[in-house]
PDB file of N, CA and C in Angstrom:
ATOM      1  N   UNK A   1    -157.608-194.367  71.907  1.00  0.00           N
ATOM      2  CA  UNK A   1    -157.242-193.435  71.757  1.00  0.00           C
ATOM      3  C   UNK A   1    -156.666-193.804  69.771  1.00  0.00           C
ATOM      4  N   UNK A   2    -157.145-192.768  68.572  1.00  0.00           N
ATOM      5  CA  UNK A   2    -157.107-193.582  67.366  1.00  0.00           C
ATOM      6  C   UNK A   2    -155.814-192.754  67.027  1.00  0.00           C
ATOM      7  N   UNK A   3    -155.760-193.445  65.862  1.00  0.00           N
ATOM      8  CA  UNK A   3    -155.012-193.687  65.137  1.00  0.00           C
ATOM      9  C   UNK A   3    -154.322-192.011  63.959  1.00  0.00           C
ATOM     10  N   UNK A   4    -153.090-191.811  64.311  1.00  0.00           N
ATOM     11  CA  UNK A   4    -152.814-190.425  63.798  1.00  0.00           C
ATOM     12  C   UNK A   4    -152.973-190.365  62.133  1.00  0.00           C
ATOM     13  N   UNK A   5    -153.366-189.419  61.666  1.00  0.00           N
ATOM     14  CA  UNK A   5    -153.392-189.507  59.918  1.00  0.00           C
ATOM     15  C   UNK A   5    -152.303-188.688  59.638  1.00  0.00           C
ATOM     16  N   UNK A   6    -151.491-189.429  58.708  1.00  0.00           N
ATOM     17  CA  UNK A   6    -150.049-188.712  58.202  1.00  0.00           C
ATOM     18  C   UNK A   6    -150.274-187.397  57.444  1.00  0.00           C
ATOM     19  N   UNK A   7    -151.598-187.410  56.551  1.00  0.00           N
ATOM     20  CA  UNK A   7    -151.806-186.083  55.644  1.00  0.00           C
ATOM     21  C   UNK A   7    -153.496-185.792  56.260  1.00  0.00           C
ATOM     22  N   UNK A   8    -153.293-184.502  56.168  1.00  0.00           N
ATOM     23  CA  UNK A   8    -154.924-183.652  56.752  1.00  0.00           C
ATOM     24  C   UNK A   8    -156.053-184.096  55.891  1.00  0.00           C
ATOM     25  N   UNK A   9    -157.197-185.184  56.274  1.00  0.00           N
ATOM     26  CA  UNK A   9    -158.193-185.299  55.632  1.00  0.00           C
ATOM     27  C   UNK A   9    -158.849-184.411  54.759  1.00  0.00           C
ATOM     28  N   UNK A  10    -159.286-184.446  53.366  1.00  0.00           N
ATOM     29  CA  UNK A  10    -159.781-183.404  52.415  1.00  0.00           C
ATOM     30  C   UNK A  10    -161.239-183.873  52.627  1.00  0.00           C
ATOM     31  N   UNK A  11    -161.918-182.810  52.522  1.00  0.00           N
ATOM     32  CA  UNK A  11    -163.497-182.909  52.564  1.00  0.00           C
ATOM     33  C   UNK A  11    -164.116-182.934  51.064  1.00  0.00           C
ATOM     34  N   UNK A  12    -164.837-183.735  50.847  1.00  0.00           N
ATOM     35  CA  UNK A  12    -165.283-184.064  49.444  1.00  0.00           C
ATOM     36  C   UNK A  12    -166.161-182.492  48.940  1.00  0.00           C
ATOM     37  N   UNK A  13    -165.764-182.583  47.585  1.00  0.00           N
ATOM     38  CA  UNK A  13    -165.839-181.456  46.696  1.00  0.00           C
ATOM     39  C   UNK A  13    -166.740-182.055  45.434  1.00  0.00           C
ATOM     40  N   UNK A  14    -165.423-182.124  44.668  1.00  0.00           N
ATOM     41  CA  UNK A  14    -165.903-182.421  43.197  1.00  0.00           C
ATOM     42  C   UNK A  14    -166.090-181.045  42.086  1.00  0.00           C
ATOM     43  N   UNK A  15    -165.901-181.528  41.284  1.00  0.00           N
ATOM     44  CA  UNK A  15    -166.585-180.967  40.049  1.00  0.00           C
ATOM     45  C   UNK A  15    -168.236-180.580  39.536  1.00  0.00           C
ATOM     46  N   UNK A  16    -168.290-179.439  39.075  1.00  0.00           N
ATOM     47  CA  UNK A  16    -169.646-179.720  38.567  1.00  0.00           C
ATOM     48  C   UNK A  16    -169.213-178.808  37.105  1.00  0.00           C
ATOM     49  N   UNK A  17    -170.501-178.738  36.272  1.00  0.00           N
ATOM     50  CA  UNK A  17    -170.485-177.670  35.144  1.00  0.00           C
ATOM     51  C   UNK A  17    -171.283-176.579  35.173  1.00  0.00           C
ATOM     52  N   UNK A  18    -170.518-175.409  34.531  1.00  0.00           N
ATOM     53  CA  UNK A  18    -170.886-174.268  34.827  1.00  0.00           C
ATOM     54  C   UNK A  18    -172.749-174.349  33.839  1.00  0.00           C
ATOM     55  N   UNK A  19    -173.762-173.801  34.261  1.00  0.00           N
ATOM     56  CA  UNK A  19    -174.882-173.820  33.599  1.00  0.00           C
ATOM     57  C   UNK A  19    -174.770-172.684  32.365  1.00  0.00           C
ATOM     58  N   UNK A  20    -174.099-171.839  32.765  1.00  0.00           N
ATOM     59  CA  UNK A  20    -173.948-170.700  31.590  1.00  0.00           C
ATOM     60  C   UNK A  20    -173.331-171.031  30.648  1.00  0.00           C
ATOM     61  N   UNK A  21    -171.823-171.438  30.869  1.00  0.00           N
ATOM     62  CA  UNK A  21    -171.161-171.345  30.224  1.00  0.00           C
ATOM     63  C   UNK A  21    -170.331-172.782  29.665  1.00  0.00           C
ATOM     64  N   UNK A  22    -170.927-173.973  30.658  1.00  0.00           N
ATOM     65  CA  UNK A  22    -170.476-175.315  30.385  1.00  0.00           C
ATOM     66  C   UNK A  22    -169.218-175.641  30.877  1.00  0.00           C
ATOM     67  N   UNK A  23    -168.361-174.741  31.126  1.00  0.00           N
ATOM     68  CA  UNK A  23    -166.851-175.351  31.445  1.00  0.00           C
ATOM     69  C   UNK A  23    -166.985-175.935  33.245  1.00  0.00           C
ATOM     70  N   UNK A  24    -166.007-176.711  33.343  1.00  0.00           N
ATOM     71  CA  UNK A  24    -165.742-177.216  35.048  1.00  0.00           C
ATOM     72  C   UNK A  24    -165.820-176.322  35.945  1.00  0.00           C
ATOM     73  N   UNK A  25    -166.074-176.585  37.161  1.00  0.00           N
ATOM     74  CA  UNK A  25    -165.794-175.796  38.302  1.00  0.00           C
ATOM     75  C   UNK A  25    -165.378-176.703  39.234  1.00  0.00           C
ATOM     76  N   UNK A  26    -164.975-176.049  40.292  1.00  0.00           N
ATOM     77  CA  UNK A  26    -164.200-176.642  41.982  1.00  0.00           C
ATOM     78  C   UNK A  26    -165.427-176.476  42.613  1.00  0.00           C
ATOM     79  N   UNK A  27    -166.068-177.642  43.408  1.00  0.00           N
ATOM     80  CA  UNK A  27    -166.981-177.365  44.540  1.00  0.00           C
ATOM     81  C   UNK A  27    -166.343-177.593  45.848  1.00  0.00           C
ATOM     82  N   UNK A  28    -165.866-176.361  46.720  1.00  0.00           N
ATOM     83  CA  UNK A  28    -164.804-176.691  47.620  1.00  0.00           C
ATOM     84  C   UNK A  28    -165.689-176.126  49.009  1.00  0.00           C
ATOM     85  N   UNK A  29    -165.570-176.999  50.068  1.00  0.00           N
ATOM     86  CA  UNK A  29    -165.813-176.503  51.155  1.00  0.00           C
ATOM     87  C   UNK A  29    -165.441-175.111  51.512  1.00  0.00           C
ATOM     88  N   UNK A  30    -165.930-174.341  52.739  1.00  0.00           N
ATOM     89  CA  UNK A  30    -165.650-172.978  53.175  1.00  0.00           C
ATOM     90  C   UNK A  30    -165.796-173.080  54.126  1.00  0.00           C
ATOM     91  N   UNK A  31    -164.900-172.372  55.579  1.00  0.00           N
ATOM     92  CA  UNK A  31    -164.694-172.237  56.753  1.00  0.00           C
ATOM     93  C   UNK A  31    -166.012-172.121  57.279  1.00  0.00           C
ATOM     94  N   UNK A  32    -167.380-171.530  56.471  1.00  0.00           N
ATOM     95  CA  UNK A  32    -168.671-170.827  57.157  1.00  0.00           C
ATOM     96  C   UNK A  32    -169.528-172.448  56.773  1.00  0.00           C
ATOM     97  N   UNK A  33    -168.543-173.351  56.822  1.00  0.00           N
ATOM     98  CA  UNK A  33    -169.857-174.635  56.349  1.00  0.00           C
ATOM     99  C   UNK A  33    -170.714-174.657  55.140  1.00  0.00           C
ATOM    100  N   UNK A  34    -169.764-174.089  54.127  1.00  0.00           N
ATOM    101  CA  UNK A  34    -171.143-173.647  52.922  1.00  0.00           C
ATOM    102  C   UNK A  34    -169.914-174.414  51.909  1.00  0.00           C
ATOM    103  N   UNK A  35    -170.404-173.901  50.285  1.00  0.00           N
ATOM    104  CA  UNK A  35    -169.852-174.197  49.555  1.00  0.00           C
ATOM    105  C   UNK A  35    -169.323-172.942  48.549  1.00  0.00           C
ATOM    106  N   UNK A  36    -168.267-172.810  47.618  1.00  0.00           N
ATOM    107  CA  UNK A  36    -167.938-172.121  46.660  1.00  0.00           C
ATOM    108  C   UNK A  36    -167.600-172.827  45.538  1.00  0.00           C
ATOM    109  N   UNK A  37    -168.248-172.157  44.669  1.00  0.00           N
ATOM    110  CA  UNK A  37    -167.852-172.677  43.251  1.00  0.00           C
ATOM    111  C   UNK A  37    -166.460-171.936  42.655  1.00  0.00           C
ATOM    112  N   UNK A  38    -165.102-172.603  42.448  1.00  0.00           N
ATOM    113  CA  UNK A  38    -164.194-171.939  42.101  1.00  0.00           C
ATOM    114  C   UNK A  38    -163.264-172.480  41.122  1.00  0.00           C
ATOM    115  N   UNK A  39    -162.697-171.479  40.302  1.00  0.00           N
ATOM    116  CA  UNK A  39    -161.951-171.311  38.783  1.00  0.00           C
ATOM    117  C   UNK A  39    -161.041-172.745  38.996  1.00  0.00           C
ATOM    118  N   UNK A  40    -161.182-173.734  38.279  1.00  0.00           N
ATOM    119  CA  UNK A  40    -159.939-174.820  38.147  1.00  0.00           C
ATOM    120  C   UNK A  40    -158.603-174.676  37.853  1.00  0.00           C
ATOM    121  N   UNK A  41    -157.570-174.797  38.222  1.00  0.00           N
ATOM    122  CA  UNK A  41    -156.149-174.575  37.985  1.00  0.00           C
ATOM    123  C   UNK A  41    -155.882-173.062  37.685  1.00  0.00           C
ATOM    124  N   UNK A  42    -156.495-171.836  38.459  1.00  0.00           N
ATOM    125  CA  UNK A  42    -155.900-170.586  38.519  1.00  0.00           C
ATOM    126  C   UNK A  42    -155.695-170.269  39.702  1.00  0.00           C
ATOM    127  N   UNK A  43    -154.669-169.918  40.050  1.00  0.00           N
ATOM    128  CA  UNK A  43    -153.761-169.419  41.314  1.00  0.00           C
ATOM    129  C   UNK A  43    -153.376-168.215  41.040  1.00  0.00           C
ATOM    130  N   UNK A  44    -153.799-166.993  41.013  1.00  0.00           N
ATOM    131  CA  UNK A  44    -153.464-165.829  40.875  1.00  0.00           C
ATOM    132  C   UNK A  44    -152.701-165.365  42.019  1.00  0.00           C
ATOM    133  N   UNK A  45    -151.761-164.463  42.197  1.00  0.00           N
ATOM    134  CA  UNK A  45    -150.974-163.504  43.023  1.00  0.00           C
ATOM    135  C   UNK A  45    -152.284-163.099  43.822  1.00  0.00           C
ATOM    136  N   UNK A  46    -152.193-163.165  44.985  1.00  0.00           N
ATOM    137  CA  UNK A  46    -153.458-162.376  46.022  1.00  0.00           C
ATOM    138  C   UNK A  46    -153.576-160.920  45.774  1.00  0.00           C
ATOM    139  N   UNK A  47    -152.258-160.474  45.663  1.00  0.00           N
ATOM    140  CA  UNK A  47    -152.153-158.809  45.355  1.00  0.00           C
ATOM    141  C   UNK A  47    -152.821-158.371  44.141  1.00  0.00           C
ATOM    142  N   UNK A  48    -153.159-159.230  43.221  1.00  0.00           N
ATOM    143  CA  UNK A  48    -153.930-158.565  41.810  1.00  0.00           C
ATOM    144  C   UNK A  48    -155.238-159.237  41.951  1.00  0.00           C
ATOM    145  N   UNK A  49    -155.801-159.582  43.065  1.00  0.00           N
ATOM    146  CA  UNK A  49    -157.494-159.831  43.153  1.00  0.00           C
ATOM    147  C   UNK A  49    -158.115-159.052  44.405  1.00  0.00           C
ATOM    148  N   UNK A  50    -158.739-158.242  43.869  1.00  0.00           N
ATOM    149  CA  UNK A  50    -159.669-157.811  45.409  1.00  0.00           C
ATOM    150  C   UNK A  50    -159.888-158.289  46.536  1.00  0.00           C
ATOM    151  N   UNK A  51    -159.473-158.183  47.645  1.00  0.00           N
ATOM    152  CA  UNK A  51    -159.553-158.683  48.916  1.00  0.00           C
ATOM    153  C   UNK A  51    -160.878-159.576  49.161  1.00  0.00           C
ATOM    154  N   UNK A  52    -162.022-158.994  48.944  1.00  0.00           N
ATOM    155  CA  UNK A  52    -163.351-159.417  49.001  1.00  0.00           C
ATOM    156  C   UNK A  52    -163.519-161.165  48.158  1.00  0.00           C
ATOM    157  N   UNK A  53    -162.061-161.238  47.216  1.00  0.00           N
ATOM    158  CA  UNK A  53    -162.268-162.544  46.098  1.00  0.00           C
ATOM    159  C   UNK A  53    -161.178-162.756  46.195  1.00  0.00           C
ATOM    160  N   UNK A  54    -160.712-163.292  47.055  1.00  0.00           N
ATOM    161  CA  UNK A  54    -159.546-163.967  47.201  1.00  0.00           C
ATOM    162  C   UNK A  54    -159.681-165.450  47.991  1.00  0.00           C
ATOM    163  N   UNK A  55    -159.839-166.127  47.632  1.00  0.00           N
ATOM    164  CA  UNK A  55    -159.978-167.538  48.198  1.00  0.00           C
ATOM    165  C   UNK A  55    -158.544-168.253  48.606  1.00  0.00           C
ATOM    166  N   UNK A  56    -158.068-168.464  49.831  1.00  0.00           N
ATOM    167  CA  UNK A  56    -157.041-169.089  50.388  1.00  0.00           C
ATOM    168  C   UNK A  56    -157.377-170.677  50.814  1.00  0.00           C
ATOM    169  N   UNK A  57    -156.886-171.725  50.068  1.00  0.00           N
ATOM    170  CA  UNK A  57    -156.897-173.038  50.678  1.00  0.00           C
ATOM    171  C   UNK A  57    -156.467-173.013  52.009  1.00  0.00           C
ATOM    172  N   UNK A  58    -156.819-174.058  52.890  1.00  0.00           N
ATOM    173  CA  UNK A  58    -156.254-174.099  54.467  1.00  0.00           C
ATOM    174  C   UNK A  58    -155.803-175.644  53.683  1.00  0.00           C
ATOM    175  N   UNK A  59    -154.910-176.436  54.991  1.00  0.00           N
ATOM    176  CA  UNK A  59    -154.531-177.729  55.105  1.00  0.00           C
ATOM    177  C   UNK A  59    -155.729-178.671  55.126  1.00  0.00           C
ATOM    178  N   UNK A  60    -156.620-177.908  55.334  1.00  0.00           N
ATOM    179  CA  UNK A  60    -157.563-179.453  55.492  1.00  0.00           C
ATOM    180  C   UNK A  60    -158.744-179.280  54.116  1.00  0.00           C
ATOM    181  N   UNK A  61    -158.428-178.553  53.218  1.00  0.00           N
ATOM    182  CA  UNK A  61    -159.026-178.506  51.953  1.00  0.00           C
ATOM    183  C   UNK A  61    -159.674-177.843  51.981  1.00  0.00           C
ATOM    184  N   UNK A  62    -160.641-176.778  52.882  1.00  0.00           N
ATOM    185  CA  UNK A  62    -161.383-175.535  52.514  1.00  0.00           C
ATOM    186  C   UNK A  62    -161.081-174.656  52.318  1.00  0.00           C
ATOM    187  N   UNK A  63    -161.829-173.744  52.223  1.00  0.00           N
ATOM    188  CA  UNK A  63    -161.097-171.766  51.766  1.00  0.00           C
ATOM    189  C   UNK A  63    -161.873-171.112  52.277  1.00  0.00           C
ATOM    190  N   UNK A  64    -161.322-170.138  52.630  1.00  0.00           N
ATOM    191  CA  UNK A  64    -161.773-169.076  53.351  1.00  0.00           C
ATOM    192  C   UNK A  64    -161.118-167.570  52.492  1.00  0.00           C
ATOM    193  N   UNK A  65    -161.957-166.672  52.642  1.00  0.00           N
ATOM    194  CA  UNK A  65    -161.573-165.585  52.072  1.00  0.00           C
ATOM    195  C   UNK A  65    -160.474-164.372  52.567  1.00  0.00           C
ATOM    196  N   UNK A  66    -159.688-164.061  51.910  1.00  0.00           N
ATOM    197  CA  UNK A  66    -158.199-164.125  52.779  1.00  0.00           C
ATOM    198  C   UNK A  66    -158.203-162.289  52.303  1.00  0.00           C
ATOM    199  N   UNK A  67    -158.605-161.381  53.352  1.00  0.00           N
ATOM    200  CA  UNK A  67    -158.941-159.936  53.555  1.00  0.00           C
ATOM    201  C   UNK A  67    -157.669-159.270  53.538  1.00  0.00           C
ATOM    202  N   UNK A  68    -156.649-159.964  54.052  1.00  0.00           N
ATOM    203  CA  UNK A  68    -155.945-159.139  54.387  1.00  0.00           C
ATOM    204  C   UNK A  68    -154.933-158.176  53.366  1.00  0.00           C
ATOM    205  N   UNK A  69    -154.829-156.897  54.026  1.00  0.00           N
ATOM    206  CA  UNK A  69    -154.451-155.753  52.930  1.00  0.00           C
ATOM    207  C   UNK A  69    -153.424-155.221  53.391  1.00  0.00           C
ATOM    208  N   UNK A  70    -152.107-155.197  52.834  1.00  0.00           N
ATOM    209  CA  UNK A  70    -151.849-155.916  51.612  1.00  0.00           C
ATOM    210  C   UNK A  70    -151.887-157.139  52.076  1.00  0.00           C
ATOM    211  N   UNK A  71    -151.556-158.166  50.916  1.00  0.00           N
ATOM    212  CA  UNK A  71    -151.483-159.255  51.168  1.00  0.00           C
ATOM    213  C   UNK A  71    -150.015-159.715  50.608  1.00  0.00           C
ATOM    214  N   UNK A  72    -149.503-160.759  51.433  1.00  0.00           N
ATOM    215  CA  UNK A  72    -147.942-161.087  51.068  1.00  0.00           C
ATOM    216  C   UNK A  72    -147.806-160.978  49.680  1.00  0.00           C
ATOM    217  N   UNK A  73    -147.027-160.861  49.179  1.00  0.00           N
ATOM    218  CA  UNK A  73    -146.670-160.483  47.480  1.00  0.00           C
ATOM    219  C   UNK A  73    -146.506-161.744  47.076  1.00  0.00           C
ATOM    220  N   UNK A  74    -145.956-162.845  47.662  1.00  0.00           N
ATOM    221  CA  UNK A  74    -146.054-163.963  47.007  1.00  0.00           C
ATOM    222  C   UNK A  74    -147.172-165.224  47.159  1.00  0.00           C
ATOM    223  N   UNK A  75    -148.372-164.440  47.833  1.00  0.00           N
ATOM    224  CA  UNK A  75    -149.352-165.402  48.052  1.00  0.00           C
ATOM    225  C   UNK A  75    -150.147-165.394  47.255  1.00  0.00           C
ATOM    226  N   UNK A  76    -150.605-166.899  46.894  1.00  0.00           N
ATOM    227  CA  UNK A  76    -151.626-167.151  45.759  1.00  0.00           C
ATOM    228  C   UNK A  76    -152.846-167.671  46.236  1.00  0.00           C
ATOM    229  N   UNK A  77    -153.980-167.350  45.809  1.00  0.00           N
ATOM    230  CA  UNK A  77    -155.134-167.330  45.903  1.00  0.00           C
ATOM    231  C   UNK A  77    -156.024-167.997  44.835  1.00  0.00           C
ATOM    232  N   UNK A  78    -157.201-168.073  44.870  1.00  0.00           N
ATOM    233  CA  UNK A  78    -158.379-168.628  43.950  1.00  0.00           C
ATOM    234  C   UNK A  78    -159.538-168.053  43.978  1.00  0.00           C
ATOM    235  N   UNK A  79    -159.694-167.920  42.385  1.00  0.00           N
ATOM    236  CA  UNK A  79    -160.710-167.275  42.176  1.00  0.00           C
ATOM    237  C   UNK A  79    -162.587-167.827  42.274  1.00  0.00           C
ATOM    238  N   UNK A  80    -163.627-167.172  42.469  1.00  0.00           N
ATOM    239  CA  UNK A  80    -165.071-167.759  42.176  1.00  0.00           C
ATOM    240  C   UNK A  80    -165.111-168.060  40.715  1.00  0.00           C
ATOM    241  N   UNK A  81    -165.675-169.337  40.315  1.00  0.00           N
ATOM    242  CA  UNK A  81    -165.704-169.409  38.611  1.00  0.00           C
ATOM    243  C   UNK A  81    -166.409-168.146  38.367  1.00  0.00           C
ATOM    244  N   UNK A  82    -167.381-167.448  38.660  1.00  0.00           N
ATOM    245  CA  UNK A  82    -168.039-166.239  38.237  1.00  0.00           C
ATOM    246  C   UNK A  82    -167.402-165.297  37.549  1.00  0.00           C
ATOM    247  N   UNK A  83    -166.350-165.290  38.289  1.00  0.00           N
ATOM    248  CA  UNK A  83    -165.374-163.719  38.131  1.00  0.00           C
ATOM    249  C   UNK A  83    -164.700-164.224  36.904  1.00  0.00           C
ATOM    250  N   UNK A  84    -164.576-165.446  36.094  1.00  0.00           N
ATOM    251  CA  UNK A  84    -163.967-165.904  35.127  1.00  0.00           C
ATOM    252  C   UNK A  84    -164.897-166.022  34.073  1.00  0.00           C
ATOM    253  N   UNK A  85    -166.136-166.270  34.325  1.00  0.00           N
ATOM    254  CA  UNK A  85    -167.189-167.026  33.923  1.00  0.00           C
ATOM    255  C   UNK A  85    -167.149-166.035  32.110  1.00  0.00           C
ATOM    256  N   UNK A  86    -166.735-167.295  30.792  1.00  0.00           N
ATOM    257  CA  UNK A  86    -166.842-166.187  29.822  1.00  0.00           C
ATOM    258  C   UNK A  86    -168.466-165.620  29.608  1.00  0.00           C
ATOM    259  N   UNK A  87    -169.306-166.531  30.048  1.00  0.00           N
ATOM    260  CA  UNK A  87    -170.902-166.155  29.612  1.00  0.00           C
ATOM    261  C   UNK A  87    -171.541-164.896  30.381  1.00  0.00           C
TER     262      UNK A  87
END
């Protein structure tokens, strides 16, 4: 039997610079075993973002699209950097 971890293990991601604007973006693993580049430090209310663009952080550090309509009025989400990119 293994030792139980007190906190969920986070999957390695990191940050990279956008090739178009030069700003940092967060590289985050998805449930589909892929990666998505999210805007760092931006957590808008989910109901203000179209359903196909809402990324919800899970307890293990991965994200998934949150297509629930209508979303909980207090639910926060993340958005892809490409939607916020100034370039």
